[in-house]
Amino acid sequence: MDWGDIPAWLAFALSGGALWVSIKARGDGKKNADASATSAEASLRSAVAAEEALALQRQEAEARRAAEEEAARPRVALRIEWVKGSKYRIVNSGDAVAANIRCLNANAFSRGLTEPISLERHTAHEFIMSGSMQEPKPPYLRLVWDGQEEPVHLLMP
């Protein structure tokens, strides 16, 4: 071995070290690229989740607003009062008009319930309801009106 070969061997060792450092740097760069891709996917999922949460909040706000509007809407509030004997009265104590009130179970001895009636708010309509041995007085009246097609049962006092 000649003293002139020492710089060549030293250069060879340094190039080996440089090769090792570059391989290590390449691996770290690949790890960083993978981490960056994972981070981008996570941020995309986070953005989608945030959009879904915002859409859900909007739906809930719309449902809450609709419920508040429905609660504030004027309502019909009917009840039956006994006057005396066979005389009764249907009272609308609500804030809405009950138009075309029809009794679905009026018997043959009822007068004042055979034709549709309309009640303004805070008004009443008197009728007579009597029974017989063959057809007793019903325990309740089944009423429907415009906007209320499902029968409402009002107990007879």
N, C-alpha and C. Protein backbone atom coordinates (compact mmCIF):
# COMPACT_ATOMS: atom_id res chain seq x y z
N MET A 1 0.84 -1.16 0.00
CA MET A 1 0.00 0.00 0.00
C MET A 1 0.89 1.23 0.00
N ASP A 2 0.50 2.13 -0.77
CA ASP A 2 1.26 3.35 -1.01
C ASP A 2 0.59 4.50 -0.28
N TRP A 3 1.43 5.47 0.13
CA TRP A 3 0.83 6.65 0.80
C TRP A 3 -0.06 7.44 -0.15
N GLY A 4 0.01 7.27 -1.33
CA GLY A 4 -0.81 7.96 -2.32
C GLY A 4 -2.21 7.37 -2.41
N ASP A 5 -2.41 6.13 -1.89
CA ASP A 5 -3.73 5.51 -1.91
C ASP A 5 -4.61 5.96 -0.74
N ILE A 6 -4.03 6.55 0.27
CA ILE A 6 -4.80 6.96 1.47
C ILE A 6 -5.90 7.97 1.11
N PRO A 7 -5.66 9.00 0.32
CA PRO A 7 -6.77 9.90 -0.02
C PRO A 7 -7.88 9.18 -0.78
N ALA A 8 -7.53 8.18 -1.58
CA ALA A 8 -8.55 7.47 -2.33
C ALA A 8 -9.42 6.65 -1.37
N TRP A 9 -8.76 5.98 -0.42
CA TRP A 9 -9.51 5.20 0.58
C TRP A 9 -10.36 6.11 1.47
N LEU A 10 -9.84 7.24 1.80
CA LEU A 10 -10.60 8.20 2.62
C LEU A 10 -11.80 8.71 1.83
N ALA A 11 -11.63 8.98 0.57
CA ALA A 11 -12.72 9.44 -0.28
C ALA A 11 -13.77 8.33 -0.41
N PHE A 12 -13.29 7.08 -0.51
CA PHE A 12 -14.21 5.96 -0.60
C PHE A 12 -15.05 5.83 0.68
N ALA A 13 -14.44 5.98 1.85
CA ALA A 13 -15.15 5.89 3.14
C ALA A 13 -16.15 7.04 3.26
N LEU A 14 -15.71 8.23 2.86
CA LEU A 14 -16.63 9.38 2.93
C LEU A 14 -17.81 9.20 1.98
N SER A 15 -17.57 8.63 0.79
CA SER A 15 -18.68 8.43 -0.14
C SER A 15 -19.63 7.37 0.40
N GLY A 16 -19.12 6.37 1.09
CA GLY A 16 -19.98 5.37 1.73
C GLY A 16 -20.85 6.03 2.79
N GLY A 17 -20.25 6.92 3.60
CA GLY A 17 -21.01 7.65 4.62
C GLY A 17 -22.07 8.54 3.97
N ALA A 18 -21.70 9.18 2.88
CA ALA A 18 -22.66 10.04 2.18
C ALA A 18 -23.81 9.21 1.61
N LEU A 19 -23.48 8.00 1.11
CA LEU A 19 -24.52 7.11 0.59
C LEU A 19 -25.49 6.72 1.72
N TRP A 20 -24.94 6.38 2.86
CA TRP A 20 -25.78 6.00 4.01
C TRP A 20 -26.68 7.17 4.43
N VAL A 21 -26.14 8.38 4.50
CA VAL A 21 -26.91 9.58 4.88
C VAL A 21 -28.01 9.84 3.84
N SER A 22 -27.70 9.69 2.55
CA SER A 22 -28.71 9.96 1.53
C SER A 22 -29.83 8.91 1.57
N ILE A 23 -29.50 7.65 1.83
CA ILE A 23 -30.53 6.61 1.97
C ILE A 23 -31.41 6.91 3.17
N LYS A 24 -30.79 7.30 4.28
CA LYS A 24 -31.55 7.64 5.49
C LYS A 24 -32.44 8.85 5.23
N ALA A 25 -31.93 9.86 4.55
CA ALA A 25 -32.71 11.06 4.24
C ALA A 25 -33.88 10.72 3.31
N ARG A 26 -33.62 9.81 2.36
CA ARG A 26 -34.69 9.39 1.46
C ARG A 26 -35.81 8.71 2.24
N GLY A 27 -35.46 7.85 3.19
CA GLY A 27 -36.46 7.17 4.03
C GLY A 27 -37.25 8.18 4.87
N ASP A 28 -36.52 9.15 5.45
CA ASP A 28 -37.21 10.17 6.25
C ASP A 28 -38.13 11.02 5.37
N GLY A 29 -37.68 11.33 4.16
CA GLY A 29 -38.51 12.11 3.24
C GLY A 29 -39.77 11.34 2.87
N LYS A 30 -39.61 10.02 2.66
CA LYS A 30 -40.77 9.20 2.34
C LYS A 30 -41.74 9.16 3.52
N LYS A 31 -41.21 9.04 4.75
CA LYS A 31 -42.07 9.07 5.94
C LYS A 31 -42.80 10.40 6.04
N ASN A 32 -42.10 11.49 5.77
CA ASN A 32 -42.73 12.82 5.82
C ASN A 32 -43.83 12.94 4.76
N ALA A 33 -43.58 12.41 3.57
CA ALA A 33 -44.58 12.45 2.51
C ALA A 33 -45.81 11.64 2.90
N ASP A 34 -45.59 10.45 3.49
CA ASP A 34 -46.71 9.63 3.95
C ASP A 34 -47.49 10.33 5.07
N ALA A 35 -46.78 10.95 5.99
CA ALA A 35 -47.44 11.68 7.07
C ALA A 35 -48.23 12.86 6.52
N SER A 36 -47.67 13.52 5.52
CA SER A 36 -48.38 14.64 4.90
C SER A 36 -49.66 14.17 4.21
N ALA A 37 -49.60 13.03 3.52
CA ALA A 37 -50.78 12.48 2.86
C ALA A 37 -51.83 12.07 3.90
N THR A 38 -51.40 11.46 4.98
CA THR A 38 -52.32 11.07 6.06
C THR A 38 -52.96 12.30 6.67
N SER A 39 -52.16 13.34 6.87
CA SER A 39 -52.68 14.59 7.43
C SER A 39 -53.69 15.23 6.49
N ALA A 40 -53.41 15.18 5.20
CA ALA A 40 -54.35 15.74 4.23
C ALA A 40 -55.67 14.96 4.23
N GLU A 41 -55.60 13.63 4.32
CA GLU A 41 -56.82 12.82 4.38
C GLU A 41 -57.61 13.12 5.65
N ALA A 42 -56.89 13.27 6.77
CA ALA A 42 -57.56 13.57 8.04
C ALA A 42 -58.22 14.95 7.98
N SER A 43 -57.55 15.92 7.39
CA SER A 43 -58.16 17.25 7.31
C SER A 43 -59.37 17.23 6.37
N LEU A 44 -59.33 16.41 5.32
CA LEU A 44 -60.47 16.28 4.42
C LEU A 44 -61.66 15.64 5.17
N ARG A 45 -61.38 14.58 5.94
CA ARG A 45 -62.44 13.95 6.74
C ARG A 45 -63.00 14.94 7.76
N SER A 46 -62.14 15.73 8.35
CA SER A 46 -62.57 16.74 9.32
C SER A 46 -63.46 17.79 8.66
N ALA A 47 -63.10 18.21 7.45
CA ALA A 47 -63.90 19.20 6.73
C ALA A 47 -65.27 18.62 6.37
N VAL A 48 -65.31 17.36 5.94
CA VAL A 48 -66.58 16.71 5.61
C VAL A 48 -67.44 16.60 6.86
N ALA A 49 -66.83 16.21 7.98
CA ALA A 49 -67.58 16.10 9.23
C ALA A 49 -68.11 17.46 9.67
N ALA A 50 -67.32 18.50 9.49
CA ALA A 50 -67.77 19.84 9.85
C ALA A 50 -68.94 20.28 8.97
N GLU A 51 -68.89 19.97 7.68
CA GLU A 51 -70.00 20.30 6.78
C GLU A 51 -71.26 19.55 7.17
N GLU A 52 -71.12 18.27 7.52
CA GLU A 52 -72.28 17.48 7.95
C GLU A 52 -72.86 18.03 9.25
N ALA A 53 -71.99 18.41 10.17
CA ALA A 53 -72.46 18.99 11.43
C ALA A 53 -73.20 20.31 11.19
N LEU A 54 -72.68 21.11 10.28
CA LEU A 54 -73.34 22.37 9.95
C LEU A 54 -74.70 22.12 9.31
N ALA A 55 -74.78 21.14 8.41
CA ALA A 55 -76.06 20.80 7.78
C ALA A 55 -77.05 20.31 8.82
N LEU A 56 -76.58 19.50 9.78
CA LEU A 56 -77.44 19.02 10.84
C LEU A 56 -77.92 20.16 11.73
N GLN A 57 -77.04 21.11 12.03
CA GLN A 57 -77.44 22.28 12.83
C GLN A 57 -78.49 23.10 12.08
N ARG A 58 -78.33 23.24 10.78
CA ARG A 58 -79.32 23.98 9.99
C ARG A 58 -80.67 23.27 10.01
N GLN A 59 -80.65 21.93 9.87
CA GLN A 59 -81.89 21.16 9.91
C GLN A 59 -82.56 21.31 11.27
N GLU A 60 -81.78 21.24 12.34
CA GLU A 60 -82.34 21.39 13.68
C GLU A 60 -82.92 22.79 13.88
N ALA A 61 -82.23 23.80 13.37
CA ALA A 61 -82.74 25.17 13.50
C ALA A 61 -84.03 25.33 12.71
N GLU A 62 -84.11 24.73 11.53
CA GLU A 62 -85.33 24.79 10.73
C GLU A 62 -86.48 24.07 11.43
N ALA A 63 -86.18 22.89 12.00
CA ALA A 63 -87.20 22.15 12.73
C ALA A 63 -87.66 22.93 13.95
N ARG A 64 -86.74 23.57 14.66
CA ARG A 64 -87.09 24.38 15.83
C ARG A 64 -87.96 25.57 15.43
N ARG A 65 -87.61 26.20 14.31
CA ARG A 65 -88.39 27.34 13.83
C ARG A 65 -89.79 26.89 13.43
N ALA A 66 -89.88 25.74 12.75
CA ALA A 66 -91.19 25.22 12.35
C ALA A 66 -92.02 24.86 13.57
N ALA A 67 -91.38 24.29 14.59
CA ALA A 67 -92.11 23.95 15.82
C ALA A 67 -92.59 25.21 16.53
N GLU A 68 -91.77 26.25 16.55
CA GLU A 68 -92.18 27.51 17.18
C GLU A 68 -93.35 28.14 16.41
N GLU A 69 -93.29 28.08 15.08
CA GLU A 69 -94.40 28.62 14.28
C GLU A 69 -95.68 27.83 14.53
N GLU A 70 -95.54 26.50 14.61
CA GLU A 70 -96.70 25.65 14.87
C GLU A 70 -97.28 25.93 16.26
N ALA A 71 -96.41 26.14 17.24
CA ALA A 71 -96.88 26.43 18.60
C ALA A 71 -97.56 27.79 18.66
N ALA A 72 -97.13 28.74 17.85
CA ALA A 72 -97.70 30.09 17.87
C ALA A 72 -98.97 30.20 17.04
N ARG A 73 -99.27 29.17 16.23
CA ARG A 73 -100.44 29.20 15.36
C ARG A 73 -101.71 29.16 16.22
N PRO A 74 -102.72 29.97 15.88
CA PRO A 74 -103.97 29.94 16.63
C PRO A 74 -104.63 28.57 16.54
N ARG A 75 -105.25 28.14 17.61
CA ARG A 75 -105.85 26.82 17.68
C ARG A 75 -107.34 26.92 18.05
N VAL A 76 -108.06 25.91 17.63
CA VAL A 76 -109.45 25.74 18.05
C VAL A 76 -109.43 24.93 19.34
N ALA A 77 -110.17 25.36 20.34
CA ALA A 77 -110.27 24.63 21.60
C ALA A 77 -111.75 24.48 21.94
N LEU A 78 -112.32 23.32 21.60
CA LEU A 78 -113.75 23.09 21.83
C LEU A 78 -113.96 22.34 23.12
N ARG A 79 -115.08 22.64 23.77
CA ARG A 79 -115.51 21.90 24.94
C ARG A 79 -117.03 21.93 24.98
N ILE A 80 -117.62 21.01 25.71
CA ILE A 80 -119.07 20.94 25.84
C ILE A 80 -119.43 21.30 27.27
N GLU A 81 -120.40 22.19 27.41
CA GLU A 81 -120.89 22.60 28.73
C GLU A 81 -122.35 22.21 28.84
N TRP A 82 -122.76 21.82 30.04
CA TRP A 82 -124.16 21.53 30.30
C TRP A 82 -124.84 22.82 30.71
N VAL A 83 -125.99 23.12 30.13
CA VAL A 83 -126.72 24.33 30.48
C VAL A 83 -127.79 23.98 31.50
N LYS A 84 -128.78 23.17 31.12
CA LYS A 84 -129.78 22.63 32.05
C LYS A 84 -130.61 21.60 31.31
N GLY A 85 -131.09 20.61 32.03
CA GLY A 85 -131.90 19.57 31.42
C GLY A 85 -131.16 18.89 30.28
N SER A 86 -131.75 18.93 29.09
CA SER A 86 -131.14 18.31 27.91
C SER A 86 -130.41 19.33 27.05
N LYS A 87 -130.24 20.54 27.58
CA LYS A 87 -129.61 21.61 26.80
C LYS A 87 -128.11 21.67 27.12
N TYR A 88 -127.31 21.70 26.04
CA TYR A 88 -125.86 21.77 26.14
C TYR A 88 -125.36 22.89 25.25
N ARG A 89 -124.07 23.15 25.38
CA ARG A 89 -123.46 24.21 24.59
C ARG A 89 -122.04 23.76 24.20
N ILE A 90 -121.73 23.95 22.89
CA ILE A 90 -120.35 23.74 22.42
C ILE A 90 -119.68 25.10 22.46
N VAL A 91 -118.54 25.19 23.14
CA VAL A 91 -117.83 26.45 23.30
C VAL A 91 -116.48 26.36 22.60
N ASN A 92 -116.16 27.37 21.81
CA ASN A 92 -114.83 27.49 21.20
C ASN A 92 -114.05 28.50 22.03
N SER A 93 -113.20 28.01 22.92
CA SER A 93 -112.41 28.91 23.76
C SER A 93 -111.03 29.17 23.17
N GLY A 94 -110.81 28.70 21.95
CA GLY A 94 -109.52 28.90 21.30
C GLY A 94 -109.45 30.24 20.58
N ASP A 95 -108.32 30.46 19.91
CA ASP A 95 -108.09 31.72 19.20
C ASP A 95 -108.30 31.60 17.70
N ALA A 96 -108.78 30.45 17.22
CA ALA A 96 -109.02 30.26 15.79
C ALA A 96 -110.50 29.96 15.56
N VAL A 97 -110.93 30.20 14.34
CA VAL A 97 -112.32 29.92 13.97
C VAL A 97 -112.46 28.44 13.65
N ALA A 98 -113.52 27.82 14.18
CA ALA A 98 -113.84 26.43 13.86
C ALA A 98 -114.96 26.46 12.82
N ALA A 99 -114.62 26.23 11.57
CA ALA A 99 -115.58 26.32 10.47
C ALA A 99 -116.10 24.94 10.11
N ASN A 100 -117.40 24.88 9.84
CA ASN A 100 -118.07 23.64 9.40
C ASN A 100 -117.88 22.49 10.38
N ILE A 101 -118.21 22.73 11.63
CA ILE A 101 -118.14 21.68 12.64
C ILE A 101 -119.26 20.69 12.35
N ARG A 102 -118.89 19.40 12.26
CA ARG A 102 -119.87 18.35 12.01
C ARG A 102 -119.76 17.32 13.12
N CYS A 103 -120.89 16.90 13.63
CA CYS A 103 -120.94 15.86 14.65
C CYS A 103 -121.16 14.52 13.96
N LEU A 104 -120.27 13.59 14.18
CA LEU A 104 -120.33 12.30 13.49
C LEU A 104 -121.21 11.28 14.21
N ASN A 105 -121.56 11.52 15.46
CA ASN A 105 -122.36 10.54 16.19
C ASN A 105 -123.59 11.17 16.85
N ALA A 106 -124.15 12.20 16.26
CA ALA A 106 -125.38 12.79 16.81
C ALA A 106 -126.51 11.78 16.62
N ASN A 107 -127.33 11.62 17.65
CA ASN A 107 -128.42 10.65 17.54
C ASN A 107 -129.70 11.32 17.04
N ALA A 108 -130.73 10.51 16.94
CA ALA A 108 -131.99 11.01 16.39
C ALA A 108 -132.65 12.05 17.30
N PHE A 109 -132.26 12.09 18.56
CA PHE A 109 -132.88 13.01 19.52
C PHE A 109 -132.08 14.28 19.72
N SER A 110 -131.10 14.53 18.87
CA SER A 110 -130.31 15.74 19.01
C SER A 110 -130.85 16.80 18.06
N ARG A 111 -130.93 18.01 18.54
CA ARG A 111 -131.34 19.14 17.71
C ARG A 111 -130.26 20.20 17.82
N GLY A 112 -129.89 20.75 16.69
CA GLY A 112 -128.85 21.77 16.68
C GLY A 112 -127.49 21.23 16.29
N LEU A 113 -127.39 19.92 16.05
CA LEU A 113 -126.12 19.32 15.64
C LEU A 113 -126.22 18.59 14.30
N THR A 114 -127.40 18.61 13.69
CA THR A 114 -127.56 17.85 12.44
C THR A 114 -126.93 18.56 11.25
N GLU A 115 -126.86 19.87 11.28
CA GLU A 115 -126.25 20.65 10.20
C GLU A 115 -124.88 21.16 10.65
N PRO A 116 -123.94 21.35 9.72
CA PRO A 116 -122.63 21.92 10.10
C PRO A 116 -122.80 23.32 10.69
N ILE A 117 -122.00 23.60 11.71
CA ILE A 117 -122.01 24.92 12.35
C ILE A 117 -120.60 25.48 12.32
N SER A 118 -120.48 26.78 12.47
CA SER A 118 -119.18 27.44 12.56
C SER A 118 -119.17 28.28 13.83
N LEU A 119 -118.04 28.24 14.53
CA LEU A 119 -117.90 29.00 15.76
C LEU A 119 -116.70 29.93 15.65
N GLU A 120 -116.96 31.21 15.80
CA GLU A 120 -115.87 32.18 15.89
C GLU A 120 -115.12 31.93 17.20
N ARG A 121 -114.03 32.60 17.37
CA ARG A 121 -113.27 32.41 18.61
C ARG A 121 -114.06 32.98 19.78
N HIS A 122 -114.05 32.26 20.89
CA HIS A 122 -114.71 32.64 22.14
C HIS A 122 -116.22 32.81 21.96
N THR A 123 -116.82 31.90 21.19
CA THR A 123 -118.27 31.90 21.03
C THR A 123 -118.80 30.50 21.34
N ALA A 124 -120.15 30.37 21.40
CA ALA A 124 -120.77 29.10 21.76
C ALA A 124 -121.98 28.85 20.87
N HIS A 125 -122.39 27.59 20.82
CA HIS A 125 -123.58 27.17 20.07
C HIS A 125 -124.35 26.20 20.97
N GLU A 126 -125.62 26.49 21.20
CA GLU A 126 -126.43 25.62 22.05
C GLU A 126 -127.13 24.57 21.22
N PHE A 127 -127.31 23.39 21.82
CA PHE A 127 -128.00 22.29 21.17
C PHE A 127 -128.70 21.46 22.24
N ILE A 128 -129.61 20.62 21.78
CA ILE A 128 -130.33 19.75 22.70
C ILE A 128 -129.94 18.32 22.38
N MET A 129 -129.64 17.57 23.43
CA MET A 129 -129.24 16.17 23.27
C MET A 129 -129.99 15.37 24.33
N SER A 130 -130.93 14.56 23.89
CA SER A 130 -131.65 13.70 24.82
C SER A 130 -131.53 12.28 24.33
N GLY A 131 -131.87 11.36 25.18
CA GLY A 131 -131.77 9.95 24.82
C GLY A 131 -133.10 9.26 25.03
N SER A 132 -133.14 8.01 24.67
CA SER A 132 -134.32 7.19 24.90
C SER A 132 -133.83 5.81 25.30
N MET A 133 -134.76 4.92 25.55
CA MET A 133 -134.38 3.56 25.92
C MET A 133 -133.70 2.85 24.75
N GLN A 134 -134.13 3.15 23.53
CA GLN A 134 -133.55 2.49 22.36
C GLN A 134 -132.22 3.13 21.96
N GLU A 135 -132.12 4.43 22.13
CA GLU A 135 -130.92 5.14 21.69
C GLU A 135 -130.51 6.13 22.79
N PRO A 136 -129.64 5.69 23.71
CA PRO A 136 -129.26 6.58 24.81
C PRO A 136 -128.38 7.72 24.33
N LYS A 137 -128.26 8.71 25.18
CA LYS A 137 -127.39 9.86 24.90
C LYS A 137 -125.95 9.35 24.81
N PRO A 138 -125.19 9.74 23.77
CA PRO A 138 -123.81 9.24 23.65
C PRO A 138 -122.93 9.81 24.77
N PRO A 139 -121.93 9.05 25.21
CA PRO A 139 -121.05 9.54 26.28
C PRO A 139 -120.09 10.64 25.81
N TYR A 140 -119.92 10.73 24.50
CA TYR A 140 -119.04 11.76 23.93
C TYR A 140 -119.52 12.09 22.54
N LEU A 141 -119.11 13.25 22.05
CA LEU A 141 -119.40 13.65 20.68
C LEU A 141 -118.12 13.55 19.87
N ARG A 142 -118.24 13.03 18.66
CA ARG A 142 -117.10 12.96 17.73
C ARG A 142 -117.27 14.09 16.73
N LEU A 143 -116.39 15.08 16.80
CA LEU A 143 -116.50 16.27 15.97
C LEU A 143 -115.33 16.38 15.00
N VAL A 144 -115.63 16.86 13.80
CA VAL A 144 -114.60 17.22 12.83
C VAL A 144 -114.95 18.61 12.31
N TRP A 145 -113.95 19.33 11.81
CA TRP A 145 -114.17 20.65 11.22
C TRP A 145 -113.09 20.90 10.20
N ASP A 146 -113.22 21.97 9.47
CA ASP A 146 -112.24 22.30 8.43
C ASP A 146 -110.86 22.42 9.07
N GLY A 147 -109.91 21.68 8.56
CA GLY A 147 -108.55 21.69 9.10
C GLY A 147 -108.34 20.62 10.16
N GLN A 148 -109.40 19.93 10.58
CA GLN A 148 -109.30 18.86 11.57
C GLN A 148 -110.15 17.69 11.08
N GLU A 149 -109.55 16.86 10.26
CA GLU A 149 -110.29 15.75 9.67
C GLU A 149 -110.27 14.50 10.54
N GLU A 150 -109.34 14.43 11.48
CA GLU A 150 -109.31 13.34 12.45
C GLU A 150 -110.34 13.67 13.53
N PRO A 151 -111.31 12.79 13.81
CA PRO A 151 -112.35 13.12 14.79
C PRO A 151 -111.78 13.42 16.18
N VAL A 152 -112.35 14.45 16.79
CA VAL A 152 -111.99 14.84 18.15
C VAL A 152 -113.13 14.38 19.05
N HIS A 153 -112.81 13.68 20.14
CA HIS A 153 -113.83 13.19 21.06
C HIS A 153 -113.98 14.17 22.22
N LEU A 154 -115.19 14.71 22.38
CA LEU A 154 -115.48 15.61 23.50
C LEU A 154 -116.47 14.90 24.42
N LEU A 155 -116.10 14.75 25.69
CA LEU A 155 -116.98 14.07 26.64
C LEU A 155 -118.21 14.91 26.93
N MET A 156 -119.33 14.23 27.02
CA MET A 156 -120.56 14.90 27.41
C MET A 156 -120.53 15.06 28.93
N PRO A 157 -120.87 16.25 29.41
CA PRO A 157 -120.86 16.43 30.87
C PRO A 157 -122.01 15.69 31.53
